[in-house]
C-alpha atoms as a PDB file:
ATOM      1  CA  MET A   1      95.749 121.845  88.282  1.00  0.00           C
ATOM      2  CA  ALA A   2      95.326 118.607  90.418  1.00  0.00           C
ATOM      3  CA  VAL A   3      95.769 114.976  89.272  1.00  0.00           C
ATOM      4  CA  ARG A   4      92.322 113.527  88.556  1.00  0.00           C
ATOM      5  CA  THR A   5      90.731 111.234  91.166  1.00  0.00           C
ATOM      6  CA  HIS A   6      87.937 109.775  89.121  1.00  0.00           C
ATOM      7  CA  TRP A   7      88.418 107.301  86.276  1.00  0.00           C
ATOM      8  CA  THR A   8      86.012 105.556  84.067  1.00  0.00           C
ATOM      9  CA  VAL A   9      87.651 102.205  83.349  1.00  0.00           C
ATOM     10  CA  GLU A  10      86.688  99.897  80.475  1.00  0.00           C
ATOM     11  CA  HIS A  11      87.029  96.414  81.956  1.00  0.00           C
ATOM     12  CA  THR A  12      87.783  93.270  80.003  1.00  0.00           C
ATOM     13  CA  CYS A  13      84.323  92.022  80.657  1.00  0.00           C
ATOM     14  CA  GLY A  14      83.055  94.956  78.550  1.00  0.00           C
ATOM     15  CA  HIS A  15      81.590  97.092  81.412  1.00  0.00           C
ATOM     16  CA  SER A  16      82.471 100.509  81.853  1.00  0.00           C
ATOM     17  CA  VAL A  17      82.767 101.501  85.489  1.00  0.00           C
ATOM     18  CA  PRO A  18      83.508 104.727  87.293  1.00  0.00           C
ATOM     19  CA  HIS A  19      86.182 104.427  89.969  1.00  0.00           C
ATOM     20  CA  ASP A  20      87.130 106.903  92.673  1.00  0.00           C
ATOM     21  CA  LEU A  21      90.955 106.581  93.069  1.00  0.00           C
ATOM     22  CA  SER A  22      91.244 109.462  95.441  1.00  0.00           C
ATOM     23  CA  GLY A  23      92.478 107.054  98.166  1.00  0.00           C
ATOM     24  CA  ARG A  24      95.596 106.204  96.116  1.00  0.00           C
ATOM     25  CA  PRO A  25      98.592 108.363  95.782  1.00  0.00           C
ATOM     26  CA  ALA A  26      98.441 110.775  92.724  1.00  0.00           C
ATOM     27  CA  ASP A  27     101.440 109.081  91.066  1.00  0.00           C
ATOM     28  CA  ARG A  28      99.702 105.587  91.253  1.00  0.00           C
ATOM     29  CA  ARG A  29      96.237 106.396  89.974  1.00  0.00           C
ATOM     30  CA  ALA A  30      96.767 106.059  86.337  1.00  0.00           C
ATOM     31  CA  GLY A  31      98.731 102.810  86.670  1.00  0.00           C
ATOM     32  CA  PHE A  32      95.979 101.331  88.926  1.00  0.00           C
ATOM     33  CA  ALA A  33      93.330 102.476  86.420  1.00  0.00           C
ATOM     34  CA  ARG A  34      95.351 100.690  83.638  1.00  0.00           C
ATOM     35  CA  TRP A  35      95.625  97.591  85.904  1.00  0.00           C
ATOM     36  CA  LEU A  36      91.840  97.612  86.469  1.00  0.00           C
ATOM     37  CA  SER A  37      91.215  97.713  82.761  1.00  0.00           C
ATOM     38  CA  GLY A  38      92.839  94.276  82.442  1.00  0.00           C
ATOM     39  CA  ARG A  39      90.386  92.811  84.821  1.00  0.00           C
ATOM     40  CA  ASP A  40      86.640  92.097  84.965  1.00  0.00           C
ATOM     41  CA  CYS A  41      84.499  94.534  86.851  1.00  0.00           C
ATOM     42  CA  THR A  42      83.707  93.798  90.484  1.00  0.00           C
ATOM     43  CA  ALA A  43      80.232  92.404  89.659  1.00  0.00           C
ATOM     44  CA  CYS A  44      81.513  90.105  86.900  1.00  0.00           C
ATOM     45  CA  TRP A  45      84.439  88.920  89.155  1.00  0.00           C
ATOM     46  CA  LYS A  46      82.029  88.174  91.977  1.00  0.00           C
ATOM     47  CA  SER A  47      79.654  86.317  89.639  1.00  0.00           C
ATOM     48  CA  ALA A  48      82.532  84.171  88.293  1.00  0.00           C
ATOM     49  CA  ARG A  49      83.870  83.537  91.823  1.00  0.00           C
ATOM     50  CA  ASP A  50      80.301  82.362  92.892  1.00  0.00           C
ATOM     51  CA  ALA A  51      79.968  80.200  89.858  1.00  0.00           C
ATOM     52  CA  ASP A  52      83.377  78.694  90.673  1.00  0.00           C
ATOM     53  CA  THR A  53      82.270  78.046  94.215  1.00  0.00           C
ATOM     54  CA  ALA A  54      79.023  76.463  92.850  1.00  0.00           C
ATOM     55  CA  SER A  55      80.805  74.264  90.548  1.00  0.00           C
ATOM     56  CA  LYS A  56      83.361  73.229  93.247  1.00  0.00           C
ATOM     57  CA  GLU A  57      80.453  72.391  95.501  1.00  0.00           C
ATOM     58  CA  GLN A  58      78.698  70.315  92.839  1.00  0.00           C
ATOM     59  CA  TRP A  59      82.081  68.545  92.113  1.00  0.00           C
ATOM     60  CA  LEU A  60      82.536  67.944  95.770  1.00  0.00           C
ATOM     61  CA  ALA A  61      79.031  66.548  96.148  1.00  0.00           C
ATOM     62  CA  GLY A  62      79.488  64.232  93.243  1.00  0.00           C
ATOM     63  CA  LYS A  63      82.873  63.027  94.598  1.00  0.00           C
ATOM     64  CA  ARG A  64      81.291  62.437  97.972  1.00  0.00           C
ATOM     65  CA  ALA A  65      78.480  60.484  96.386  1.00  0.00           C
ATOM     66  CA  GLU A  66      80.900  58.240  94.494  1.00  0.00           C
ATOM     67  CA  GLU A  67      82.962  57.613  97.822  1.00  0.00           C
ATOM     68  CA  GLN A  68      79.782  56.828  99.676  1.00  0.00           C
ATOM     69  CA  GLN A  69      78.645  54.343  97.173  1.00  0.00           C
ATOM     70  CA  ALA A  70      82.044  52.698  97.266  1.00  0.00           C
ATOM     71  CA  ALA A  71      81.880  52.587 101.090  1.00  0.00           C
ATOM     72  CA  VAL A  72      78.498  51.085 101.043  1.00  0.00           C
ATOM     73  CA  GLU A  73      79.314  48.332  98.538  1.00  0.00           C
ATOM     74  CA  TRP A  74      82.685  47.631 100.305  1.00  0.00           C
ATOM     75  CA  ALA A  75      80.770  47.350 103.694  1.00  0.00           C
ATOM     76  CA  GLU A  76      78.235  44.881 102.062  1.00  0.00           C
ATOM     77  CA  LYS A  77      80.990  42.772 100.428  1.00  0.00           C
ATOM     78  CA  PHE A  78      83.062  42.445 103.562  1.00  0.00           C
ATOM     79  CA  ASP A  79      79.967  42.118 106.046  1.00  0.00           C
ATOM     80  CA  MET A  80      80.832  45.244 107.977  1.00  0.00           C
ATOM     81  CA  PRO A  81      78.178  46.167 110.454  1.00  0.00           C
ATOM     82  CA  PRO A  82      76.114  49.471 110.197  1.00  0.00           C
ATOM     83  CA  LEU A  83      77.613  52.380 112.081  1.00  0.00           C
ATOM     84  CA  GLU A  84      75.933  54.095 115.062  1.00  0.00           C
ATOM     85  CA  GLY A  85      75.750  57.654 115.733  1.00  0.00           C
ATOM     86  CA  PRO A  86      74.007  60.898 114.718  1.00  0.00           C
ATOM     87  CA  ASP A  87      72.571  60.863 111.182  1.00  0.00           C
ATOM     88  CA  LYS A  88      74.855  63.459 110.013  1.00  0.00           C
ATOM     89  CA  ALA A  89      77.861  61.357 110.925  1.00  0.00           C
ATOM     90  CA  LEU A  90      76.916  58.108 109.535  1.00  0.00           C
ATOM     91  CA  ASP A  91      77.852  58.645 105.934  1.00  0.00           C
ATOM     92  CA  TRP A  92      81.099  60.400 106.893  1.00  0.00           C
ATOM     93  CA  GLY A  93      81.874  57.577 109.308  1.00  0.00           C
ATOM     94  CA  GLN A  94      81.290  54.931 106.533  1.00  0.00           C
ATOM     95  CA  ARG A  95      83.497  56.840 104.075  1.00  0.00           C
ATOM     96  CA  SER A  96      86.166  57.212 106.803  1.00  0.00           C
ATOM     97  CA  ARG A  97      86.020  53.470 107.721  1.00  0.00           C
ATOM     98  CA  HIS A  98      86.389  52.563 104.140  1.00  0.00           C
ATOM     99  CA  GLN A  99      89.296  54.726 103.325  1.00  0.00           C
ATOM    100  CA  LEU A 100      91.221  53.772 106.529  1.00  0.00           C
ATOM    101  CA  MET A 101      90.518  50.125 105.991  1.00  0.00           C
ATOM    102  CA  ALA A 102      91.689  50.452 102.340  1.00  0.00           C
ATOM    103  CA  ALA A 103      94.835  52.265 103.592  1.00  0.00           C
ATOM    104  CA  ALA A 104      95.549  49.634 106.114  1.00  0.00           C
ATOM    105  CA  HIS A 105      95.079  46.802 103.581  1.00  0.00           C
ATOM    106  CA  THR A 106      97.507  48.488 101.211  1.00  0.00           C
ATOM    107  CA  ALA A 107     100.146  49.225 103.998  1.00  0.00           C
ATOM    108  CA  LEU A 108      99.959  45.870 105.923  1.00  0.00           C
ATOM    109  CA  VAL A 109      99.072  43.298 103.209  1.00  0.00           C
ATOM    110  CA  ILE A 110     100.009  44.496  99.732  1.00  0.00           C
ATOM    111  CA  GLU A 111     103.158  46.567 100.740  1.00  0.00           C
ATOM    112  CA  GLY A 112     103.685  44.744 104.192  1.00  0.00           C
ATOM    113  CA  SER A 113     104.283  41.297 105.291  1.00  0.00           C
ATOM    114  CA  TRP A 114     100.777  40.363 106.503  1.00  0.00           C
ATOM    115  CA  ASP A 115      98.831  37.334 105.099  1.00  0.00           C
ATOM    116  CA  GLU A 116      95.088  36.951 104.748  1.00  0.00           C
ATOM    117  CA  THR A 117      94.899  35.348 108.192  1.00  0.00           C
ATOM    118  CA  ASP A 118      96.383  38.391 109.798  1.00  0.00           C
ATOM    119  CA  TRP A 119      94.105  40.559 107.848  1.00  0.00           C
ATOM    120  CA  ALA A 120      91.054  38.532 108.754  1.00  0.00           C
ATOM    121  CA  GLU A 121      91.829  39.145 112.454  1.00  0.00           C
ATOM    122  CA  LEU A 122      92.024  42.933 111.895  1.00  0.00           C
ATOM    123  CA  GLU A 123      88.685  42.917 109.985  1.00  0.00           C
ATOM    124  CA  GLU A 124      87.097  41.182 112.951  1.00  0.00           C
ATOM    125  CA  LYS A 125      88.330  43.834 115.296  1.00  0.00           C
ATOM    126  CA  ALA A 126      87.245  46.443 112.858  1.00  0.00           C
ATOM    127  CA  ARG A 127      83.712  44.987 112.800  1.00  0.00           C
ATOM    128  CA  SER A 128      83.476  45.485 116.434  1.00  0.00           C
ATOM    129  CA  VAL A 129      83.922  49.236 116.288  1.00  0.00           C
ATOM    130  CA  THR A 130      80.514  50.590 115.285  1.00  0.00           C
ATOM    131  CA  ARG A 131      80.572  54.277 116.479  1.00  0.00           C
ATOM    132  CA  ALA A 132      80.815  56.455 113.408  1.00  0.00           C
ATOM    133  CA  GLY A 133      82.562  59.206 115.261  1.00  0.00           C
ATOM    134  CA  TRP A 134      85.516  56.811 116.168  1.00  0.00           C
ATOM    135  CA  TRP A 135      86.037  56.299 112.496  1.00  0.00           C
ATOM    136  CA  ILE A 136      85.838  59.935 111.674  1.00  0.00           C
ATOM    137  CA  ASP A 137      88.322  60.702 114.531  1.00  0.00           C
ATOM    138  CA  GLN A 138      90.809  58.195 112.892  1.00  0.00           C
ATOM    139  CA  ARG A 139      90.356  59.528 109.343  1.00  0.00           C
ATOM    140  CA  ASP A 140      93.856  60.975 109.137  1.00  0.00           C
ATOM    141  CA  ALA A 141      95.677  57.965 110.707  1.00  0.00           C
ATOM    142  CA  ASP A 142      98.143  55.991 108.958  1.00  0.00           C
ATOM    143  CA  GLY A 143      96.850  52.684 107.623  1.00  0.00           C
ATOM    144  CA  SER A 144      99.758  50.778 109.393  1.00  0.00           C
ATOM    145  CA  ASP A 145      98.471  51.998 112.678  1.00  0.00           C
ATOM    146  CA  LEU A 146      94.979  50.652 112.494  1.00  0.00           C
ATOM    147  CA  LEU A 147      95.528  47.567 114.550  1.00  0.00           C
ATOM    148  CA  GLU A 148      97.023  49.604 117.431  1.00  0.00           C
ATOM    149  CA  LEU A 149      94.059  52.080 117.110  1.00  0.00           C
ATOM    150  CA  LEU A 150      91.493  49.294 117.159  1.00  0.00           C
ATOM    151  CA  ASP A 151      93.091  47.846 120.180  1.00  0.00           C
ATOM    152  CA  ALA A 152      92.727  51.178 121.888  1.00  0.00           C
ATOM    153  CA  ALA A 153      89.054  51.568 121.074  1.00  0.00           C
ATOM    154  CA  SER A 154      86.844  51.760 124.133  1.00  0.00           C
ATOM    155  CA  GLU A 155      83.672  49.830 124.856  1.00  0.00           C
ATOM    156  CA  THR A 156      81.781  53.024 123.912  1.00  0.00           C
ATOM    157  CA  ASP A 157      83.364  52.918 120.502  1.00  0.00           C
ATOM    158  CA  ARG A 158      82.305  49.340 120.096  1.00  0.00           C
ATOM    159  CA  GLY A 159      78.645  50.405 120.334  1.00  0.00           C
ATOM    160  CA  THR A 160      75.595  48.528 121.562  1.00  0.00           C
ATOM    161  CA  GLU A 161      75.441  45.978 118.703  1.00  0.00           C
ATOM    162  CA  ASN A 162      78.850  44.281 119.486  1.00  0.00           C
ATOM    163  CA  PRO A 163      78.496  40.531 119.463  1.00  0.00           C
ATOM    164  CA  PHE A 164      81.888  40.129 121.041  1.00  0.00           C
ATOM    165  CA  ARG A 165      81.126  41.921 124.278  1.00  0.00           C
END
C-alpha cells in the first residue's frame, strides 16, 4: 500500500482545498498537510496580500501628499522659485529640495555653527538651482554637504529663470 499523495486540507480561513502532495517525499506529506492546515488557502492568502499592497499604496499616497503640501508651503514661505523639468519630476523635485534643505538647516544651523547670515547665503544659492532632476539626484545626500553640492551645480542645473546668471 502506497502513502497517499492527495490530501484535502481544511485551512484556517475555513476553505477545504484538495492538495496534490506527490511532489513531496512520502515521509513529509502528512507534516506538510498539517502545516498547510495552519495557513489560509492560496486564494485567501493572495487576497490578503493584495489588500495589504493596496493599503500600503494608499498609505504611501497619503504620505506623499502630506510631504508635497509641506514642500509647497515651505517653498512659498521661503520664496523658493518653481522647479523646471518634466511634469512627473516636479513634485518629486519639490519634496527632495524641501527634505534636503531641512536636513541642511538641521546639520549646519541647529546642530552646527552656522548663523542666519551663513544660512541666508546658502538659501540664495539653493534658489538658483531650479532643475527638479538636480534636487532628485541629491535626495540621498547628507545635509552638511549641500553647500558643496550647490557650488558644483552646473548652469544647466540653474535653469533658464536664473536671475543671477
